[in-house]
Amino acid sequence: MTQTTPHPRHPGAEKRRYKRLPILSRLVRPVLITLPGLKKPVPGIVGDLSAGGLAINTFVEMPIGRELEMNIDLGVFRADGVAGRVVRLVRRGGAFQIGIEFTRVDRQLTDRINGLAEDFDACELRWVRSSDEICLSDCTYHPFCTKVIKKNFE
């Protein structure tokens, strides 16, 4: 399960507008970030994704508030020219985890990410509850699921 950030005035309340989708081994893909003043795009690895933004791991520090443009290719979908703004920066050794809020993203991509996140959460809930039917054929996350139990439903 993903950790959520509590709302400062309402402890325990989720302040994110969109569910996050953890990027698991079968979805790990690079993202290329274009920064003003740099000739080459900066590579990063997506850590988690939501319709409102993403977390990336990179070796390039980006200050909070920095505007940027990204090309995202997760195999299941590709989006070029997604604009964002750095809203969080955490140093991890010689690397950085950067939280990026989308400021311009295609509505179809937003809907697709929301669908994946919803299906992922529903699957997790069915799995925790030991449902008879965990894997559903219409689940948009099904092609990327790495659960061992999935093999029992194929």
Protein backbone atom coordinates (compact mmCIF):
# COMPACT_ATOMS: atom_id res chain seq x y z
CA MET A 1 0.00 0.00 0.00
CA THR A 2 1.17 3.53 -0.63
CA GLN A 3 1.69 6.01 2.18
CA THR A 4 -0.50 9.06 2.16
CA THR A 5 0.22 12.53 3.42
CA PRO A 6 -2.22 13.59 6.13
CA HIS A 7 -4.05 16.88 5.84
CA PRO A 8 -2.57 19.31 8.42
CA ARG A 9 -5.97 20.49 9.75
CA HIS A 10 -7.68 17.09 9.56
CA PRO A 11 -5.35 14.36 10.89
CA GLY A 12 -5.86 11.12 9.03
CA ALA A 13 -7.54 12.86 6.07
CA GLU A 14 -5.99 12.39 2.65
CA LYS A 15 -5.09 15.66 0.92
CA ARG A 16 -4.26 14.17 -2.48
CA ARG A 17 -6.93 14.60 -5.14
CA TYR A 18 -5.92 11.46 -7.04
CA LYS A 19 -4.99 7.94 -6.01
CA ARG A 20 -1.34 7.04 -6.48
CA LEU A 21 -0.20 4.08 -8.50
CA PRO A 22 3.05 2.51 -7.31
CA ILE A 23 5.33 1.72 -10.20
CA LEU A 24 6.18 -1.92 -9.83
CA SER A 25 8.92 -3.87 -11.56
CA ARG A 26 6.96 -4.45 -14.77
CA LEU A 27 6.20 -0.74 -15.15
CA VAL A 28 9.62 0.69 -14.28
CA ARG A 29 10.51 3.02 -17.11
CA PRO A 30 12.53 6.16 -17.55
CA VAL A 31 11.11 9.62 -17.94
CA LEU A 32 12.95 12.34 -19.84
CA ILE A 33 12.73 15.83 -18.40
CA THR A 34 13.48 18.95 -20.40
CA LEU A 35 14.77 21.86 -18.35
CA PRO A 36 15.25 25.39 -19.64
CA GLY A 37 18.94 26.10 -20.25
CA LEU A 38 20.00 22.45 -20.65
CA LYS A 39 20.71 21.02 -24.09
CA LYS A 40 20.06 17.38 -23.15
CA PRO A 41 17.00 16.01 -21.34
CA VAL A 42 17.54 14.79 -17.78
CA PRO A 43 16.67 11.11 -17.24
CA GLY A 44 14.73 9.90 -14.23
CA ILE A 45 12.96 6.76 -13.06
CA VAL A 46 9.29 6.99 -12.10
CA GLY A 47 8.65 6.00 -8.46
CA ASP A 48 4.91 6.45 -8.31
CA LEU A 49 2.29 8.03 -10.49
CA SER A 50 -1.11 9.66 -10.14
CA ALA A 51 -3.31 11.73 -12.41
CA GLY A 52 -2.02 14.80 -10.57
CA GLY A 53 1.71 14.13 -10.81
CA LEU A 54 4.53 11.73 -10.22
CA ALA A 55 7.60 11.05 -8.13
CA ILE A 56 10.86 10.47 -9.94
CA ASN A 57 14.34 9.43 -8.87
CA THR A 58 17.17 11.24 -10.61
CA PHE A 59 20.76 12.38 -10.12
CA VAL A 60 19.97 15.99 -11.00
CA GLU A 61 18.78 18.36 -8.28
CA MET A 62 15.76 20.47 -9.24
CA PRO A 63 14.66 23.26 -6.93
CA ILE A 64 11.10 23.42 -5.64
CA GLY A 65 8.99 25.60 -7.93
CA ARG A 66 11.00 24.75 -11.05
CA GLU A 67 8.86 24.42 -14.19
CA LEU A 68 9.69 21.53 -16.50
CA GLU A 69 8.47 19.45 -19.41
CA MET A 70 8.47 15.64 -19.56
CA ASN A 71 8.15 12.78 -21.98
CA ILE A 72 6.70 9.80 -20.16
CA ASP A 73 6.81 6.27 -21.56
CA LEU A 74 5.46 3.55 -19.28
CA GLY A 75 4.88 0.99 -22.00
CA VAL A 76 1.12 1.02 -21.35
CA PHE A 77 0.99 4.60 -22.53
CA ARG A 78 3.25 7.34 -23.74
CA ALA A 79 2.82 11.06 -23.23
CA ASP A 80 5.07 13.74 -24.66
CA GLY A 81 5.12 17.37 -23.62
CA VAL A 82 3.60 16.93 -20.16
CA ALA A 83 4.30 20.09 -18.16
CA GLY A 84 4.91 20.08 -14.43
CA ARG A 85 6.31 21.89 -11.44
CA VAL A 86 8.64 20.54 -8.73
CA VAL A 87 6.76 20.49 -5.41
CA ARG A 88 9.02 18.25 -3.31
CA LEU A 89 12.72 17.44 -3.18
CA VAL A 90 14.35 14.78 -1.00
CA ARG A 91 18.08 14.02 -1.15
CA ARG A 92 18.86 10.29 -1.03
CA GLY A 93 22.62 9.84 -0.96
CA GLY A 94 23.89 11.11 -4.31
CA ALA A 95 20.41 11.02 -5.87
CA PHE A 96 17.17 12.93 -5.47
CA GLN A 97 13.52 11.96 -5.19
CA ILE A 98 11.48 14.69 -6.79
CA GLY A 99 7.73 15.20 -6.50
CA ILE A 100 6.25 16.79 -9.61
CA GLU A 101 2.75 18.20 -9.92
CA PHE A 102 1.33 18.16 -13.45
CA THR A 103 0.42 21.62 -14.74
CA ARG A 104 -0.47 20.51 -18.29
CA VAL A 105 -1.49 16.95 -19.12
CA ASP A 106 -3.84 15.41 -21.65
CA ARG A 107 -7.26 14.48 -20.22
CA GLN A 108 -7.08 10.99 -21.78
CA LEU A 109 -3.82 10.34 -19.93
CA THR A 110 -5.37 11.55 -16.67
CA ASP A 111 -8.33 9.19 -17.18
CA ARG A 112 -6.01 6.28 -18.04
CA ILE A 113 -3.86 6.81 -14.94
CA ASN A 114 -6.97 7.11 -12.74
CA GLY A 115 -8.31 3.85 -14.21
CA LEU A 116 -5.06 2.01 -13.50
CA ALA A 117 -4.91 3.36 -9.94
CA GLU A 118 -8.56 2.49 -9.24
CA ASP A 119 -8.12 -1.05 -10.58
CA PHE A 120 -4.88 -1.50 -8.62
CA ASP A 121 -6.60 -0.44 -5.37
CA ALA A 122 -9.62 -2.66 -6.05
CA CYS A 123 -7.30 -5.62 -6.69
CA GLU A 124 -5.40 -4.98 -3.46
CA LEU A 125 -8.68 -4.89 -1.54
CA ARG A 126 -9.92 -8.15 -3.10
CA TRP A 127 -6.55 -9.78 -2.35
CA VAL A 128 -6.55 -8.64 1.31
CA ARG A 129 -10.13 -9.87 1.74
CA SER A 130 -9.19 -13.24 0.15
CA SER A 131 -11.94 -12.88 -2.43
CA ASP A 132 -12.80 -15.88 -4.62
CA GLU A 133 -12.27 -13.74 -7.68
CA ILE A 134 -9.15 -11.59 -7.29
CA CYS A 135 -8.07 -11.13 -10.90
CA LEU A 136 -10.72 -9.76 -13.24
CA SER A 137 -10.43 -9.93 -17.03
CA ASP A 138 -11.48 -6.29 -17.46
CA CYS A 139 -8.90 -4.97 -14.97
CA THR A 140 -6.72 -2.37 -16.70
CA TYR A 141 -3.86 -3.17 -14.31
CA HIS A 142 -3.97 -6.93 -15.08
CA PRO A 143 -1.17 -6.91 -17.72
CA PHE A 144 1.24 -5.39 -15.18
CA CYS A 145 0.26 -7.33 -12.09
CA THR A 146 3.11 -9.34 -10.55
CA LYS A 147 1.11 -11.18 -7.88
CA VAL A 148 1.86 -14.90 -7.80
CA ILE A 149 -1.85 -15.63 -7.29
CA LYS A 150 -2.57 -14.12 -10.71
CA LYS A 151 -1.37 -17.36 -12.34
CA ASN A 152 -4.33 -19.17 -10.70
CA PHE A 153 -6.75 -16.96 -12.64
CA GLU A 154 -5.23 -17.21 -16.11
